[in-house]
Amino acid sequence: MKPNRQAAIKEIISSQPIGTQIQLMEALEARGFRSTQATVSRDIREMHLVKRMGPDGRYRYQLPEESLTPEFDVKLRKIFRESITSYEVAQNIVVLKTLPGLANAACAALDGMHLPHLVGSLAGDDTAFLAMFDMDSAVEFCKQIEHMLK
């Protein structure tokens, strides 16, 4: 539900001027997504949406600058690749083992990648737990990890 809702948010803010969370909630409801203000607020934060002045002089939600993403993404992937020592699926949880002291950095890197099926992460010193949307998402993510670590 969350990935679909966030995809709808991207479409909405790309196609119409949305300046408030209430407007966004109404536009989502028109597309069949009932949500609360708290949910919309979390989505805005997770998606790193920003408010910028539009051509009409009014502020509206927009996606973050795409020009910064590729370089930032490369750095995040490098941090991730250099900190992970192993990974395993346990139902919808992916357990990552890292070098000592790097679990937090690995989680920060993953959070910055804006993975659609990652619900949240929790880091200790050398272990991180990633809550995925479902077991299939966890298995698929482990395949992506394998590809990233090559």
N, C-alpha and C. Protein backbone atom coordinates (compact mmCIF):
# COMPACT_ATOMS: atom_id res chain seq x y z
N MET A 1 0.82 -1.19 0.00
CA MET A 1 0.00 0.00 0.00
C MET A 1 0.87 1.26 0.00
N LYS A 2 1.88 1.29 0.87
CA LYS A 2 2.73 2.47 0.98
C LYS A 2 3.45 2.77 -0.34
N PRO A 3 4.10 1.78 -0.99
CA PRO A 3 4.77 2.09 -2.26
C PRO A 3 3.79 2.61 -3.32
N ASN A 4 2.60 2.05 -3.36
CA ASN A 4 1.59 2.51 -4.32
C ASN A 4 1.15 3.93 -4.01
N ARG A 5 0.95 4.22 -2.73
CA ARG A 5 0.54 5.56 -2.31
C ARG A 5 1.62 6.58 -2.66
N GLN A 6 2.88 6.22 -2.38
CA GLN A 6 3.96 7.15 -2.67
C GLN A 6 4.15 7.35 -4.17
N ALA A 7 3.91 6.30 -4.95
CA ALA A 7 3.95 6.46 -6.41
C ALA A 7 2.85 7.41 -6.86
N ALA A 8 1.67 7.29 -6.25
CA ALA A 8 0.56 8.19 -6.58
C ALA A 8 0.91 9.63 -6.20
N ILE A 9 1.58 9.81 -5.07
CA ILE A 9 2.00 11.15 -4.65
C ILE A 9 2.93 11.76 -5.69
N LYS A 10 3.88 10.98 -6.19
CA LYS A 10 4.80 11.48 -7.22
C LYS A 10 4.01 11.94 -8.44
N GLU A 11 3.06 11.12 -8.88
CA GLU A 11 2.25 11.48 -10.04
C GLU A 11 1.44 12.74 -9.78
N ILE A 12 0.86 12.83 -8.60
CA ILE A 12 0.00 13.98 -8.27
C ILE A 12 0.81 15.27 -8.27
N ILE A 13 1.94 15.28 -7.55
CA ILE A 13 2.68 16.54 -7.44
C ILE A 13 3.39 16.89 -8.75
N SER A 14 3.56 15.90 -9.62
CA SER A 14 4.16 16.18 -10.93
C SER A 14 3.15 16.74 -11.91
N SER A 15 1.87 16.49 -11.66
CA SER A 15 0.84 16.88 -12.62
C SER A 15 -0.04 18.04 -12.18
N GLN A 16 0.00 18.39 -10.90
CA GLN A 16 -0.84 19.50 -10.44
C GLN A 16 -0.19 20.22 -9.26
N PRO A 17 -0.50 21.50 -9.10
CA PRO A 17 0.11 22.24 -7.99
C PRO A 17 -0.55 21.86 -6.66
N ILE A 18 0.24 21.26 -5.78
CA ILE A 18 -0.23 20.86 -4.45
C ILE A 18 0.61 21.64 -3.44
N GLY A 19 -0.05 22.51 -2.67
CA GLY A 19 0.68 23.34 -1.74
C GLY A 19 0.50 22.99 -0.28
N THR A 20 -0.50 22.13 0.03
CA THR A 20 -0.74 21.77 1.42
C THR A 20 -0.94 20.27 1.56
N GLN A 21 -0.78 19.80 2.78
CA GLN A 21 -1.01 18.38 3.04
C GLN A 21 -2.48 18.02 2.83
N ILE A 22 -3.38 18.95 3.15
CA ILE A 22 -4.81 18.70 2.95
C ILE A 22 -5.11 18.51 1.46
N GLN A 23 -4.54 19.37 0.62
CA GLN A 23 -4.73 19.22 -0.83
C GLN A 23 -4.21 17.88 -1.30
N LEU A 24 -3.07 17.46 -0.76
CA LEU A 24 -2.49 16.18 -1.14
C LEU A 24 -3.38 15.03 -0.68
N MET A 25 -3.91 15.13 0.53
CA MET A 25 -4.83 14.09 1.03
C MET A 25 -6.06 13.98 0.13
N GLU A 26 -6.60 15.13 -0.29
CA GLU A 26 -7.79 15.12 -1.15
C GLU A 26 -7.48 14.52 -2.52
N ALA A 27 -6.32 14.85 -3.07
CA ALA A 27 -5.93 14.30 -4.36
C ALA A 27 -5.69 12.79 -4.26
N LEU A 28 -5.12 12.35 -3.15
CA LEU A 28 -4.94 10.91 -2.93
C LEU A 28 -6.28 10.21 -2.81
N GLU A 29 -7.20 10.81 -2.07
CA GLU A 29 -8.51 10.20 -1.90
C GLU A 29 -9.24 10.08 -3.24
N ALA A 30 -9.07 11.06 -4.11
CA ALA A 30 -9.67 11.01 -5.44
C ALA A 30 -9.12 9.84 -6.25
N ARG A 31 -7.94 9.38 -5.89
CA ARG A 31 -7.33 8.22 -6.57
C ARG A 31 -7.54 6.93 -5.79
N GLY A 32 -8.34 6.99 -4.73
CA GLY A 32 -8.67 5.78 -3.98
C GLY A 32 -7.78 5.50 -2.79
N PHE A 33 -6.94 6.44 -2.39
CA PHE A 33 -6.06 6.26 -1.24
C PHE A 33 -6.56 7.11 -0.08
N ARG A 34 -7.16 6.48 0.90
CA ARG A 34 -7.58 7.19 2.11
C ARG A 34 -6.39 7.21 3.05
N SER A 35 -6.04 8.39 3.51
CA SER A 35 -4.91 8.49 4.43
C SER A 35 -5.12 9.64 5.40
N THR A 36 -4.37 9.59 6.47
CA THR A 36 -4.46 10.63 7.48
C THR A 36 -3.38 11.69 7.21
N GLN A 37 -3.50 12.81 7.89
CA GLN A 37 -2.50 13.86 7.76
C GLN A 37 -1.15 13.35 8.24
N ALA A 38 -1.13 12.56 9.28
CA ALA A 38 0.14 12.01 9.80
C ALA A 38 0.81 11.12 8.76
N THR A 39 0.03 10.31 8.06
CA THR A 39 0.58 9.43 7.03
C THR A 39 1.16 10.27 5.88
N VAL A 40 0.41 11.27 5.45
CA VAL A 40 0.88 12.13 4.36
C VAL A 40 2.15 12.86 4.79
N SER A 41 2.19 13.31 6.02
CA SER A 41 3.37 14.00 6.55
C SER A 41 4.59 13.07 6.52
N ARG A 42 4.41 11.81 6.93
CA ARG A 42 5.51 10.83 6.89
C ARG A 42 5.95 10.58 5.46
N ASP A 43 4.99 10.46 4.55
CA ASP A 43 5.35 10.24 3.14
C ASP A 43 6.17 11.41 2.61
N ILE A 44 5.76 12.62 2.93
CA ILE A 44 6.49 13.82 2.48
C ILE A 44 7.92 13.77 2.99
N ARG A 45 8.08 13.42 4.25
CA ARG A 45 9.42 13.36 4.85
C ARG A 45 10.25 12.25 4.21
N GLU A 46 9.67 11.05 4.07
CA GLU A 46 10.40 9.91 3.51
C GLU A 46 10.78 10.14 2.06
N MET A 47 9.93 10.84 1.33
CA MET A 47 10.18 11.08 -0.09
C MET A 47 11.05 12.32 -0.31
N HIS A 48 11.38 13.00 0.78
CA HIS A 48 12.21 14.20 0.74
C HIS A 48 11.61 15.27 -0.18
N LEU A 49 10.27 15.37 -0.15
CA LEU A 49 9.62 16.40 -0.94
C LEU A 49 9.98 17.77 -0.39
N VAL A 50 10.05 18.74 -1.27
CA VAL A 50 10.36 20.10 -0.87
C VAL A 50 9.27 21.02 -1.39
N LYS A 51 9.14 22.17 -0.75
CA LYS A 51 8.20 23.18 -1.23
C LYS A 51 9.02 24.25 -1.95
N ARG A 52 8.64 24.49 -3.20
CA ARG A 52 9.31 25.52 -3.99
C ARG A 52 8.24 26.39 -4.64
N MET A 53 8.63 27.61 -4.96
CA MET A 53 7.70 28.51 -5.60
C MET A 53 7.49 28.07 -7.05
N GLY A 54 6.23 27.94 -7.41
CA GLY A 54 5.89 27.57 -8.77
C GLY A 54 5.82 28.79 -9.67
N PRO A 55 5.53 28.58 -10.95
CA PRO A 55 5.48 29.69 -11.90
C PRO A 55 4.37 30.70 -11.58
N ASP A 56 3.38 30.26 -10.81
CA ASP A 56 2.28 31.15 -10.44
C ASP A 56 2.58 31.95 -9.17
N GLY A 57 3.78 31.77 -8.61
CA GLY A 57 4.16 32.51 -7.41
C GLY A 57 3.71 31.86 -6.11
N ARG A 58 3.09 30.70 -6.19
CA ARG A 58 2.64 29.97 -5.00
C ARG A 58 3.59 28.80 -4.74
N TYR A 59 3.73 28.47 -3.46
CA TYR A 59 4.58 27.35 -3.10
C TYR A 59 3.83 26.04 -3.32
N ARG A 60 4.58 25.04 -3.78
CA ARG A 60 4.00 23.72 -4.04
C ARG A 60 5.03 22.65 -3.77
N TYR A 61 4.53 21.44 -3.47
CA TYR A 61 5.43 20.31 -3.23
C TYR A 61 6.06 19.87 -4.55
N GLN A 62 7.35 19.54 -4.46
CA GLN A 62 8.08 19.03 -5.61
C GLN A 62 9.04 17.95 -5.15
N LEU A 63 9.43 17.12 -6.08
CA LEU A 63 10.44 16.10 -5.80
C LEU A 63 11.79 16.79 -5.62
N PRO A 64 12.70 16.17 -4.86
CA PRO A 64 14.02 16.79 -4.68
C PRO A 64 14.76 16.90 -6.01
N GLU A 65 15.75 17.75 -6.04
CA GLU A 65 16.56 17.94 -7.25
C GLU A 65 17.12 16.61 -7.71
N GLU A 66 16.80 16.22 -8.91
CA GLU A 66 17.30 14.95 -9.45
C GLU A 66 18.78 15.03 -9.79
N SER A 67 19.27 16.24 -10.06
CA SER A 67 20.66 16.37 -10.48
C SER A 67 21.64 15.93 -9.39
N LEU A 68 21.20 15.97 -8.13
CA LEU A 68 22.07 15.56 -7.04
C LEU A 68 22.03 14.06 -6.79
N THR A 69 21.00 13.40 -7.25
CA THR A 69 20.75 12.01 -6.90
C THR A 69 21.82 11.03 -7.40
N PRO A 70 22.24 11.05 -8.68
CA PRO A 70 23.19 10.04 -9.13
C PRO A 70 24.49 10.03 -8.34
N GLU A 71 25.11 11.19 -8.11
CA GLU A 71 26.36 11.24 -7.37
C GLU A 71 26.15 10.78 -5.93
N PHE A 72 25.07 11.24 -5.31
CA PHE A 72 24.76 10.87 -3.94
C PHE A 72 24.50 9.37 -3.86
N ASP A 73 23.78 8.83 -4.83
CA ASP A 73 23.46 7.41 -4.85
C ASP A 73 24.73 6.57 -4.95
N VAL A 74 25.69 7.00 -5.75
CA VAL A 74 26.96 6.27 -5.90
C VAL A 74 27.68 6.23 -4.56
N LYS A 75 27.71 7.35 -3.84
CA LYS A 75 28.37 7.40 -2.54
C LYS A 75 27.67 6.49 -1.54
N LEU A 76 26.33 6.51 -1.54
CA LEU A 76 25.60 5.66 -0.61
C LEU A 76 25.86 4.18 -0.89
N ARG A 77 25.87 3.82 -2.14
CA ARG A 77 26.13 2.43 -2.50
C ARG A 77 27.55 2.00 -2.11
N LYS A 78 28.49 2.91 -2.22
CA LYS A 78 29.88 2.60 -1.83
C LYS A 78 29.95 2.35 -0.33
N ILE A 79 29.30 3.22 0.46
CA ILE A 79 29.27 3.03 1.91
C ILE A 79 28.66 1.67 2.23
N PHE A 80 27.55 1.37 1.59
CA PHE A 80 26.85 0.12 1.82
C PHE A 80 27.75 -1.06 1.48
N ARG A 81 28.35 -1.02 0.31
CA ARG A 81 29.18 -2.12 -0.17
C ARG A 81 30.37 -2.37 0.75
N GLU A 82 30.96 -1.31 1.29
CA GLU A 82 32.15 -1.46 2.12
C GLU A 82 31.85 -1.83 3.57
N SER A 83 30.59 -1.77 3.98
CA SER A 83 30.29 -2.06 5.38
C SER A 83 29.64 -3.43 5.60
N ILE A 84 29.03 -4.02 4.60
CA ILE A 84 28.29 -5.29 4.76
C ILE A 84 29.23 -6.48 4.69
N THR A 85 29.09 -7.39 5.67
CA THR A 85 29.87 -8.63 5.64
C THR A 85 29.00 -9.84 5.30
N SER A 86 27.70 -9.80 5.67
CA SER A 86 26.78 -10.88 5.32
C SER A 86 25.34 -10.38 5.46
N TYR A 87 24.42 -11.18 4.93
CA TYR A 87 23.00 -10.83 5.00
C TYR A 87 22.18 -12.11 4.95
N GLU A 88 20.98 -12.04 5.52
CA GLU A 88 20.11 -13.23 5.59
C GLU A 88 18.66 -12.76 5.68
N VAL A 89 17.75 -13.57 5.12
CA VAL A 89 16.32 -13.28 5.19
C VAL A 89 15.72 -14.07 6.35
N ALA A 90 14.86 -13.42 7.13
CA ALA A 90 14.09 -14.07 8.18
C ALA A 90 12.66 -13.53 8.07
N GLN A 91 11.83 -14.24 7.33
CA GLN A 91 10.47 -13.79 7.02
C GLN A 91 10.55 -12.48 6.24
N ASN A 92 9.93 -11.39 6.74
CA ASN A 92 9.99 -10.11 6.03
C ASN A 92 11.12 -9.22 6.56
N ILE A 93 12.02 -9.81 7.35
CA ILE A 93 13.16 -9.08 7.92
C ILE A 93 14.44 -9.51 7.21
N VAL A 94 15.24 -8.53 6.83
CA VAL A 94 16.58 -8.82 6.31
C VAL A 94 17.56 -8.44 7.43
N VAL A 95 18.40 -9.40 7.80
CA VAL A 95 19.39 -9.18 8.85
C VAL A 95 20.74 -8.96 8.16
N LEU A 96 21.31 -7.79 8.40
CA LEU A 96 22.61 -7.46 7.82
C LEU A 96 23.68 -7.52 8.90
N LYS A 97 24.79 -8.13 8.60
CA LYS A 97 25.96 -8.10 9.47
C LYS A 97 26.96 -7.16 8.82
N THR A 98 27.57 -6.29 9.64
CA THR A 98 28.51 -5.31 9.11
C THR A 98 29.82 -5.38 9.87
N LEU A 99 30.78 -4.65 9.40
CA LEU A 99 32.00 -4.46 10.18
C LEU A 99 31.63 -3.74 11.46
N PRO A 100 32.38 -3.93 12.55
CA PRO A 100 32.02 -3.29 13.82
C PRO A 100 31.86 -1.77 13.68
N GLY A 101 30.74 -1.29 14.22
CA GLY A 101 30.47 0.14 14.23
C GLY A 101 29.85 0.69 12.95
N LEU A 102 29.58 -0.15 11.96
CA LEU A 102 29.10 0.36 10.67
C LEU A 102 27.65 0.03 10.35
N ALA A 103 26.94 -0.62 11.26
CA ALA A 103 25.54 -0.94 10.99
C ALA A 103 24.72 0.33 10.79
N ASN A 104 24.99 1.34 11.60
CA ASN A 104 24.25 2.60 11.47
C ASN A 104 24.51 3.25 10.12
N ALA A 105 25.75 3.24 9.65
CA ALA A 105 26.08 3.82 8.35
C ALA A 105 25.39 3.05 7.22
N ALA A 106 25.35 1.72 7.34
CA ALA A 106 24.67 0.91 6.32
C ALA A 106 23.18 1.25 6.27
N CYS A 107 22.56 1.40 7.44
CA CYS A 107 21.13 1.74 7.48
C CYS A 107 20.89 3.14 6.93
N ALA A 108 21.76 4.07 7.26
CA ALA A 108 21.62 5.43 6.73
C ALA A 108 21.74 5.42 5.21
N ALA A 109 22.67 4.64 4.69
CA ALA A 109 22.83 4.53 3.24
C ALA A 109 21.57 3.94 2.61
N LEU A 110 21.04 2.89 3.20
CA LEU A 110 19.82 2.28 2.67
C LEU A 110 18.64 3.23 2.74
N ASP A 111 18.49 3.93 3.86
CA ASP A 111 17.40 4.89 3.99
C ASP A 111 17.52 5.97 2.91
N GLY A 112 18.74 6.36 2.59
CA GLY A 112 18.96 7.37 1.57
C GLY A 112 18.69 6.90 0.16
N MET A 113 18.65 5.59 -0.04
CA MET A 113 18.37 5.04 -1.37
C MET A 113 16.89 5.05 -1.70
N HIS A 114 16.05 5.30 -0.72
CA HIS A 114 14.59 5.38 -0.91
C HIS A 114 14.04 4.11 -1.57
N LEU A 115 14.36 2.98 -1.00
CA LEU A 115 13.91 1.70 -1.52
C LEU A 115 12.40 1.57 -1.28
N PRO A 116 11.64 1.24 -2.31
CA PRO A 116 10.18 1.26 -2.19
C PRO A 116 9.59 0.26 -1.19
N HIS A 117 10.22 -0.89 -0.98
CA HIS A 117 9.64 -1.90 -0.10
C HIS A 117 10.29 -1.96 1.27
N LEU A 118 11.20 -1.03 1.55
CA LEU A 118 11.83 -0.95 2.87
C LEU A 118 10.92 -0.12 3.78
N VAL A 119 10.38 -0.78 4.80
CA VAL A 119 9.48 -0.11 5.73
C VAL A 119 10.27 0.68 6.76
N GLY A 120 11.38 0.11 7.23
CA GLY A 120 12.21 0.80 8.22
C GLY A 120 13.44 -0.02 8.55
N SER A 121 14.36 0.61 9.26
CA SER A 121 15.59 -0.08 9.62
C SER A 121 15.94 0.23 11.08
N LEU A 122 16.67 -0.70 11.67
CA LEU A 122 17.11 -0.56 13.05
C LEU A 122 18.54 -1.08 13.11
N ALA A 123 19.45 -0.25 13.64
CA ALA A 123 20.86 -0.62 13.64
C ALA A 123 21.42 -0.72 15.04
N GLY A 124 22.25 -1.73 15.24
CA GLY A 124 23.06 -1.85 16.45
C GLY A 124 24.48 -1.49 16.08
N ASP A 125 25.44 -2.17 16.65
CA ASP A 125 26.84 -1.89 16.37
C ASP A 125 27.28 -2.55 15.06
N ASP A 126 27.02 -3.86 14.95
CA ASP A 126 27.44 -4.59 13.76
C ASP A 126 26.32 -5.41 13.14
N THR A 127 25.08 -5.13 13.53
CA THR A 127 23.92 -5.84 13.01
C THR A 127 22.81 -4.84 12.74
N ALA A 128 22.14 -5.03 11.61
CA ALA A 128 21.00 -4.18 11.26
C ALA A 128 19.82 -5.05 10.89
N PHE A 129 18.64 -4.63 11.29
CA PHE A 129 17.40 -5.30 10.92
C PHE A 129 16.64 -4.38 9.98
N LEU A 130 16.27 -4.92 8.82
CA LEU A 130 15.52 -4.16 7.83
C LEU A 130 14.13 -4.78 7.71
N ALA A 131 13.12 -4.03 8.06
CA ALA A 131 11.75 -4.51 7.93
C ALA A 131 11.29 -4.22 6.50
N MET A 132 11.00 -5.28 5.78
CA MET A 132 10.53 -5.14 4.41
C MET A 132 9.01 -5.29 4.39
N PHE A 133 8.39 -4.88 3.30
CA PHE A 133 6.94 -4.91 3.18
C PHE A 133 6.39 -6.32 3.35
N ASP A 134 7.06 -7.31 2.76
CA ASP A 134 6.63 -8.70 2.88
C ASP A 134 7.84 -9.61 2.60
N MET A 135 7.63 -10.90 2.71
CA MET A 135 8.74 -11.85 2.54
C MET A 135 9.30 -11.81 1.12
N ASP A 136 8.43 -11.68 0.12
CA ASP A 136 8.91 -11.60 -1.26
C ASP A 136 9.82 -10.39 -1.46
N SER A 137 9.46 -9.27 -0.84
CA SER A 137 10.29 -8.06 -0.92
C SER A 137 11.65 -8.31 -0.27
N ALA A 138 11.66 -9.03 0.84
CA ALA A 138 12.91 -9.32 1.54
C ALA A 138 13.82 -10.21 0.68
N VAL A 139 13.25 -11.22 0.07
CA VAL A 139 14.03 -12.12 -0.79
C VAL A 139 14.57 -11.35 -1.99
N GLU A 140 13.73 -10.54 -2.61
CA GLU A 140 14.16 -9.74 -3.76
C GLU A 140 15.26 -8.75 -3.36
N PHE A 141 15.12 -8.15 -2.19
CA PHE A 141 16.14 -7.21 -1.72
C PHE A 141 17.47 -7.92 -1.52
N CYS A 142 17.46 -9.14 -1.01
CA CYS A 142 18.72 -9.88 -0.83
C CYS A 142 19.38 -10.14 -2.18
N LYS A 143 18.59 -10.34 -3.22
CA LYS A 143 19.16 -10.49 -4.56
C LYS A 143 19.82 -9.18 -5.00
N GLN A 144 19.19 -8.05 -4.65
CA GLN A 144 19.77 -6.75 -4.98
C GLN A 144 21.06 -6.53 -4.19
N ILE A 145 21.07 -6.96 -2.93
CA ILE A 145 22.28 -6.82 -2.12
C ILE A 145 23.42 -7.60 -2.78
N GLU A 146 23.11 -8.82 -3.20
CA GLU A 146 24.13 -9.65 -3.85
C GLU A 146 24.70 -8.93 -5.06
N HIS A 147 23.82 -8.30 -5.83
CA HIS A 147 24.27 -7.56 -7.01
C HIS A 147 25.11 -6.34 -6.63
N MET A 148 24.70 -5.62 -5.58
CA MET A 148 25.43 -4.43 -5.12
C MET A 148 26.80 -4.77 -4.58
N LEU A 149 26.93 -5.94 -3.97
CA LEU A 149 28.21 -6.32 -3.35
C LEU A 149 29.24 -6.85 -4.34
N LYS A 150 28.83 -7.05 -5.58
CA LYS A 150 29.77 -7.56 -6.60
C LYS A 150 30.72 -6.50 -7.04
